[in-house]
Amino acid sequence: MKKKSLYIIIGVIFVSFFVSCGNQQTAKSLVTDFIEQNALSPEKMIAREFSSLDSTKFINDSIVLSMQKRGHELYKNDIRYEQSQSGRMLYYLRMKCMYDSDTLQQTFYLDEKLTSVVAFK
């Protein structure tokens, strides 16, 4: 019986590890696609490094709307976001990269299903 319990615990840990790795890759792909579609010069954003994916409930609708309106000088002015935050949990992924000889750090907020970027700063 103890051996069976051990196998179940190892199995749960194994599955959790691969699900989280999949979410990390999905988030990186979403952010990379967002940059490619919306940055004015995505080819200048080199040596991209990403943090671990994490979640937050502290970003409300007004903060998301503010980030969407504020934009950033390296991105298009008319970015269309697919979803609003609507009080749900968001994931966030930080990115560090080189742009011309400067180091940039940006945070991208993703919807809870990891289907789109809802804001960035």
N, C-alpha and C. Protein backbone atom coordinates (compact mmCIF):
# COMPACT_ATOMS: atom_id res chain seq x y z
N MET A 1 0.82 -1.20 0.00
CA MET A 1 0.00 0.00 0.00
C MET A 1 0.86 1.26 0.00
N LYS A 2 1.96 1.28 0.76
CA LYS A 2 2.84 2.43 0.81
C LYS A 2 3.48 2.68 -0.54
N LYS A 3 3.82 1.62 -1.23
CA LYS A 3 4.45 1.74 -2.54
C LYS A 3 3.48 2.38 -3.55
N LYS A 4 2.22 1.99 -3.48
CA LYS A 4 1.20 2.54 -4.37
C LYS A 4 1.01 4.04 -4.11
N SER A 5 1.00 4.44 -2.85
CA SER A 5 0.86 5.85 -2.49
C SER A 5 2.05 6.67 -2.99
N LEU A 6 3.22 6.08 -2.88
CA LEU A 6 4.42 6.75 -3.37
C LEU A 6 4.34 6.99 -4.88
N TYR A 7 3.87 5.99 -5.63
CA TYR A 7 3.73 6.13 -7.08
C TYR A 7 2.71 7.21 -7.43
N ILE A 8 1.64 7.29 -6.68
CA ILE A 8 0.62 8.31 -6.93
C ILE A 8 1.20 9.70 -6.69
N ILE A 9 1.92 9.88 -5.59
CA ILE A 9 2.52 11.17 -5.28
C ILE A 9 3.53 11.57 -6.35
N ILE A 10 4.36 10.64 -6.76
CA ILE A 10 5.35 10.93 -7.81
C ILE A 10 4.64 11.29 -9.12
N GLY A 11 3.57 10.59 -9.42
CA GLY A 11 2.80 10.87 -10.63
C GLY A 11 2.20 12.27 -10.63
N VAL A 12 1.63 12.67 -9.51
CA VAL A 12 1.03 14.00 -9.38
C VAL A 12 2.10 15.09 -9.54
N ILE A 13 3.25 14.89 -8.91
CA ILE A 13 4.35 15.86 -9.03
C ILE A 13 4.82 15.94 -10.48
N PHE A 14 4.95 14.81 -11.13
CA PHE A 14 5.40 14.74 -12.52
C PHE A 14 4.44 15.50 -13.45
N VAL A 15 3.15 15.24 -13.29
CA VAL A 15 2.14 15.91 -14.13
C VAL A 15 2.14 17.41 -13.85
N SER A 16 2.21 17.81 -12.59
CA SER A 16 2.23 19.24 -12.25
C SER A 16 3.42 19.95 -12.87
N PHE A 17 4.56 19.29 -12.84
CA PHE A 17 5.78 19.87 -13.42
C PHE A 17 5.60 20.13 -14.91
N PHE A 18 5.08 19.15 -15.63
CA PHE A 18 4.93 19.33 -17.07
C PHE A 18 3.84 20.30 -17.45
N VAL A 19 2.79 20.40 -16.65
CA VAL A 19 1.74 21.39 -16.91
C VAL A 19 2.31 22.79 -16.72
N SER A 20 3.08 23.00 -15.66
CA SER A 20 3.65 24.33 -15.43
C SER A 20 4.66 24.69 -16.50
N CYS A 21 5.44 23.73 -16.98
CA CYS A 21 6.38 23.99 -18.07
C CYS A 21 5.63 24.37 -19.34
N GLY A 22 4.51 23.71 -19.58
CA GLY A 22 3.69 24.02 -20.75
C GLY A 22 3.12 25.43 -20.67
N ASN A 23 2.68 25.83 -19.47
CA ASN A 23 2.16 27.18 -19.29
C ASN A 23 3.24 28.22 -19.51
N GLN A 24 4.45 27.96 -19.05
CA GLN A 24 5.58 28.88 -19.24
C GLN A 24 5.84 29.06 -20.73
N GLN A 25 5.87 27.97 -21.46
CA GLN A 25 6.12 28.05 -22.91
C GLN A 25 4.99 28.77 -23.63
N THR A 26 3.75 28.50 -23.22
CA THR A 26 2.60 29.18 -23.82
C THR A 26 2.69 30.68 -23.59
N ALA A 27 3.02 31.07 -22.36
CA ALA A 27 3.14 32.50 -22.02
C ALA A 27 4.26 33.15 -22.83
N LYS A 28 5.41 32.50 -22.94
CA LYS A 28 6.52 33.06 -23.73
C LYS A 28 6.11 33.24 -25.19
N SER A 29 5.41 32.27 -25.73
CA SER A 29 4.95 32.37 -27.12
C SER A 29 3.97 33.51 -27.30
N LEU A 30 3.03 33.67 -26.35
CA LEU A 30 2.07 34.77 -26.44
C LEU A 30 2.77 36.13 -26.42
N VAL A 31 3.72 36.29 -25.51
CA VAL A 31 4.44 37.55 -25.40
C VAL A 31 5.29 37.80 -26.64
N THR A 32 5.96 36.77 -27.12
CA THR A 32 6.78 36.91 -28.32
C THR A 32 5.92 37.31 -29.52
N ASP A 33 4.77 36.66 -29.68
CA ASP A 33 3.86 37.01 -30.78
C ASP A 33 3.35 38.44 -30.63
N PHE A 34 3.01 38.83 -29.40
CA PHE A 34 2.54 40.19 -29.13
C PHE A 34 3.61 41.21 -29.54
N ILE A 35 4.85 40.95 -29.18
CA ILE A 35 5.95 41.85 -29.54
C ILE A 35 6.11 41.92 -31.05
N GLU A 36 6.11 40.77 -31.70
CA GLU A 36 6.29 40.74 -33.16
C GLU A 36 5.18 41.50 -33.88
N GLN A 37 3.96 41.44 -33.35
CA GLN A 37 2.82 42.10 -34.00
C GLN A 37 2.71 43.59 -33.65
N ASN A 38 3.19 44.00 -32.48
CA ASN A 38 2.89 45.35 -32.00
C ASN A 38 4.09 46.27 -31.77
N ALA A 39 5.28 45.73 -31.68
CA ALA A 39 6.46 46.58 -31.50
C ALA A 39 6.79 47.28 -32.81
N LEU A 40 7.29 48.49 -32.72
CA LEU A 40 7.66 49.22 -33.94
C LEU A 40 8.89 48.60 -34.61
N SER A 41 9.82 48.10 -33.82
CA SER A 41 11.03 47.45 -34.34
C SER A 41 11.36 46.21 -33.52
N PRO A 42 10.57 45.14 -33.68
CA PRO A 42 10.79 43.95 -32.86
C PRO A 42 12.17 43.32 -33.05
N GLU A 43 12.75 43.51 -34.22
CA GLU A 43 14.07 42.94 -34.49
C GLU A 43 15.17 43.58 -33.64
N LYS A 44 14.90 44.76 -33.09
CA LYS A 44 15.89 45.42 -32.24
C LYS A 44 15.83 44.94 -30.79
N MET A 45 14.79 44.19 -30.43
CA MET A 45 14.66 43.65 -29.08
C MET A 45 15.35 42.30 -29.05
N ILE A 46 16.61 42.30 -28.68
CA ILE A 46 17.41 41.08 -28.74
C ILE A 46 17.73 40.56 -27.34
N ALA A 47 18.23 39.35 -27.30
CA ALA A 47 18.63 38.70 -26.04
C ALA A 47 17.48 38.73 -25.04
N ARG A 48 16.32 38.27 -25.46
CA ARG A 48 15.14 38.27 -24.59
C ARG A 48 15.26 37.19 -23.52
N GLU A 49 15.09 37.61 -22.29
CA GLU A 49 15.09 36.68 -21.15
C GLU A 49 13.76 36.83 -20.43
N PHE A 50 13.17 35.72 -20.06
CA PHE A 50 11.86 35.75 -19.40
C PHE A 50 11.96 35.21 -17.98
N SER A 51 11.19 35.81 -17.08
CA SER A 51 11.09 35.32 -15.71
C SER A 51 10.15 34.12 -15.70
N SER A 52 9.97 33.55 -14.53
CA SER A 52 8.98 32.49 -14.37
C SER A 52 7.58 33.10 -14.40
N LEU A 53 6.66 32.39 -14.97
CA LEU A 53 5.26 32.82 -15.02
C LEU A 53 4.69 32.83 -13.60
N ASP A 54 3.95 33.88 -13.28
CA ASP A 54 3.34 33.98 -11.96
C ASP A 54 1.94 34.56 -12.12
N SER A 55 1.18 34.56 -11.04
CA SER A 55 -0.19 35.07 -11.11
C SER A 55 -0.39 36.20 -10.10
N THR A 56 -1.43 37.00 -10.36
CA THR A 56 -1.78 38.09 -9.46
C THR A 56 -3.28 38.36 -9.53
N LYS A 57 -3.83 38.79 -8.42
CA LYS A 57 -5.22 39.24 -8.36
C LYS A 57 -5.27 40.72 -8.00
N PHE A 58 -4.11 41.35 -7.93
CA PHE A 58 -4.02 42.74 -7.49
C PHE A 58 -4.13 43.76 -8.62
N ILE A 59 -4.31 43.31 -9.83
CA ILE A 59 -4.45 44.22 -10.96
C ILE A 59 -5.94 44.27 -11.32
N ASN A 60 -6.56 45.42 -11.10
CA ASN A 60 -7.99 45.54 -11.37
C ASN A 60 -8.24 46.14 -12.76
N ASP A 61 -9.51 46.23 -13.13
CA ASP A 61 -9.89 46.71 -14.46
C ASP A 61 -9.36 48.11 -14.76
N SER A 62 -9.39 49.00 -13.78
CA SER A 62 -8.93 50.37 -14.04
C SER A 62 -7.42 50.42 -14.28
N ILE A 63 -6.67 49.58 -13.59
CA ILE A 63 -5.23 49.52 -13.83
C ILE A 63 -4.93 48.96 -15.22
N VAL A 64 -5.66 47.91 -15.60
CA VAL A 64 -5.49 47.34 -16.94
C VAL A 64 -5.81 48.39 -18.01
N LEU A 65 -6.91 49.08 -17.85
CA LEU A 65 -7.31 50.11 -18.82
C LEU A 65 -6.26 51.22 -18.89
N SER A 66 -5.72 51.62 -17.75
CA SER A 66 -4.68 52.64 -17.72
C SER A 66 -3.43 52.18 -18.47
N MET A 67 -3.01 50.94 -18.25
CA MET A 67 -1.83 50.41 -18.96
C MET A 67 -2.10 50.34 -20.46
N GLN A 68 -3.30 49.93 -20.83
CA GLN A 68 -3.65 49.84 -22.25
C GLN A 68 -3.60 51.21 -22.92
N LYS A 69 -4.11 52.22 -22.25
CA LYS A 69 -4.13 53.57 -22.82
C LYS A 69 -2.75 54.22 -22.84
N ARG A 70 -1.95 53.95 -21.81
CA ARG A 70 -0.63 54.57 -21.69
C ARG A 70 0.29 54.12 -22.82
N GLY A 71 0.31 52.85 -23.11
CA GLY A 71 1.17 52.35 -24.17
C GLY A 71 2.65 52.48 -23.84
N HIS A 72 3.46 52.49 -24.88
CA HIS A 72 4.90 52.58 -24.72
C HIS A 72 5.47 53.10 -26.03
N GLU A 73 6.52 53.89 -25.95
CA GLU A 73 7.09 54.53 -27.14
C GLU A 73 7.64 53.54 -28.17
N LEU A 74 7.95 52.32 -27.77
CA LEU A 74 8.49 51.33 -28.70
C LEU A 74 7.41 50.48 -29.36
N TYR A 75 6.14 50.78 -29.04
CA TYR A 75 5.03 49.99 -29.56
C TYR A 75 4.05 50.88 -30.33
N LYS A 76 3.26 50.25 -31.17
CA LYS A 76 2.23 50.96 -31.92
C LYS A 76 1.24 51.62 -30.96
N ASN A 77 0.61 52.68 -31.42
CA ASN A 77 -0.37 53.39 -30.60
C ASN A 77 -1.75 52.74 -30.61
N ASP A 78 -2.05 51.97 -31.61
CA ASP A 78 -3.40 51.42 -31.78
C ASP A 78 -3.47 49.91 -31.50
N ILE A 79 -2.84 49.47 -30.43
CA ILE A 79 -2.86 48.04 -30.10
C ILE A 79 -4.28 47.65 -29.70
N ARG A 80 -4.73 46.54 -30.26
CA ARG A 80 -6.07 46.03 -29.93
C ARG A 80 -5.91 44.82 -29.03
N TYR A 81 -6.48 44.93 -27.85
CA TYR A 81 -6.43 43.84 -26.88
C TYR A 81 -7.69 43.02 -27.02
N GLU A 82 -7.55 41.70 -26.96
CA GLU A 82 -8.68 40.81 -27.18
C GLU A 82 -9.63 40.74 -26.00
N GLN A 83 -9.11 40.89 -24.77
CA GLN A 83 -9.95 40.73 -23.60
C GLN A 83 -9.65 41.80 -22.57
N SER A 84 -10.64 42.04 -21.74
CA SER A 84 -10.39 42.90 -20.58
C SER A 84 -10.17 41.99 -19.37
N GLN A 85 -9.77 42.56 -18.28
CA GLN A 85 -9.43 41.78 -17.10
C GLN A 85 -10.67 41.29 -16.35
N SER A 86 -11.67 42.10 -16.20
CA SER A 86 -12.96 41.77 -15.57
C SER A 86 -12.85 41.13 -14.20
N GLY A 87 -11.93 41.61 -13.37
CA GLY A 87 -11.85 41.16 -11.99
C GLY A 87 -11.28 39.78 -11.78
N ARG A 88 -10.84 39.13 -12.81
CA ARG A 88 -10.29 37.78 -12.66
C ARG A 88 -8.79 37.83 -12.38
N MET A 89 -8.26 36.69 -12.06
CA MET A 89 -6.83 36.56 -11.87
C MET A 89 -6.11 36.74 -13.21
N LEU A 90 -4.94 37.32 -13.16
CA LEU A 90 -4.10 37.45 -14.34
C LEU A 90 -2.77 36.76 -14.09
N TYR A 91 -2.17 36.30 -15.15
CA TYR A 91 -0.79 35.84 -15.09
C TYR A 91 0.09 37.00 -15.54
N TYR A 92 1.33 37.00 -15.09
CA TYR A 92 2.27 37.99 -15.61
C TYR A 92 3.62 37.33 -15.86
N LEU A 93 4.29 37.90 -16.84
CA LEU A 93 5.60 37.40 -17.26
C LEU A 93 6.48 38.62 -17.50
N ARG A 94 7.61 38.65 -16.83
CA ARG A 94 8.56 39.75 -17.01
C ARG A 94 9.56 39.37 -18.08
N MET A 95 9.93 40.37 -18.88
CA MET A 95 10.91 40.16 -19.93
C MET A 95 12.01 41.21 -19.81
N LYS A 96 13.23 40.77 -19.99
CA LYS A 96 14.37 41.67 -20.04
C LYS A 96 15.01 41.46 -21.40
N CYS A 97 15.37 42.56 -22.07
CA CYS A 97 16.01 42.44 -23.38
C CYS A 97 16.90 43.66 -23.63
N MET A 98 17.69 43.56 -24.66
CA MET A 98 18.52 44.68 -25.10
C MET A 98 17.79 45.37 -26.25
N TYR A 99 17.80 46.69 -26.22
CA TYR A 99 17.24 47.49 -27.32
C TYR A 99 18.23 48.62 -27.60
N ASP A 100 18.83 48.57 -28.77
CA ASP A 100 19.95 49.46 -29.09
C ASP A 100 20.99 49.25 -27.98
N SER A 101 21.52 49.90 -27.25
CA SER A 101 22.48 49.47 -26.22
C SER A 101 21.89 49.60 -24.82
N ASP A 102 20.57 49.71 -24.74
CA ASP A 102 19.90 49.84 -23.44
C ASP A 102 19.26 48.52 -23.03
N THR A 103 19.15 48.32 -21.73
CA THR A 103 18.45 47.16 -21.20
C THR A 103 17.03 47.57 -20.84
N LEU A 104 16.06 46.86 -21.40
CA LEU A 104 14.64 47.11 -21.13
C LEU A 104 14.09 46.03 -20.23
N GLN A 105 13.18 46.41 -19.36
CA GLN A 105 12.42 45.43 -18.58
C GLN A 105 10.95 45.77 -18.73
N GLN A 106 10.18 44.77 -19.12
CA GLN A 106 8.75 44.98 -19.30
C GLN A 106 7.99 43.84 -18.64
N THR A 107 6.78 44.14 -18.19
CA THR A 107 5.91 43.13 -17.61
C THR A 107 4.68 43.01 -18.49
N PHE A 108 4.36 41.79 -18.87
CA PHE A 108 3.20 41.50 -19.71
C PHE A 108 2.17 40.75 -18.87
N TYR A 109 0.92 41.21 -18.95
CA TYR A 109 -0.17 40.58 -18.20
C TYR A 109 -1.01 39.77 -19.17
N LEU A 110 -1.26 38.52 -18.80
CA LEU A 110 -1.97 37.57 -19.66
C LEU A 110 -3.27 37.15 -18.99
N ASP A 111 -4.28 36.86 -19.80
CA ASP A 111 -5.56 36.43 -19.24
C ASP A 111 -5.41 35.08 -18.53
N GLU A 112 -6.41 34.72 -17.74
CA GLU A 112 -6.31 33.53 -16.91
C GLU A 112 -6.28 32.22 -17.69
N LYS A 113 -6.69 32.24 -18.95
CA LYS A 113 -6.65 31.02 -19.77
C LYS A 113 -5.40 30.97 -20.65
N LEU A 114 -4.54 31.97 -20.50
CA LEU A 114 -3.31 32.08 -21.30
C LEU A 114 -3.59 32.06 -22.80
N THR A 115 -4.54 32.93 -23.20
CA THR A 115 -4.87 33.02 -24.62
C THR A 115 -4.49 34.37 -25.22
N SER A 116 -4.25 35.39 -24.37
CA SER A 116 -3.90 36.70 -24.93
C SER A 116 -3.23 37.59 -23.88
N VAL A 117 -2.50 38.58 -24.39
CA VAL A 117 -1.93 39.62 -23.55
C VAL A 117 -3.04 40.66 -23.34
N VAL A 118 -3.31 41.03 -22.07
CA VAL A 118 -4.36 42.02 -21.81
C VAL A 118 -3.79 43.40 -21.52
N ALA A 119 -2.50 43.48 -21.15
CA ALA A 119 -1.85 44.78 -20.91
C ALA A 119 -0.36 44.54 -20.71
N PHE A 120 0.39 45.63 -20.75
CA PHE A 120 1.82 45.55 -20.44
C PHE A 120 2.30 46.89 -19.93
N LYS A 121 3.42 46.84 -19.23
CA LYS A 121 4.04 48.09 -18.77
C LYS A 121 5.54 47.94 -18.84
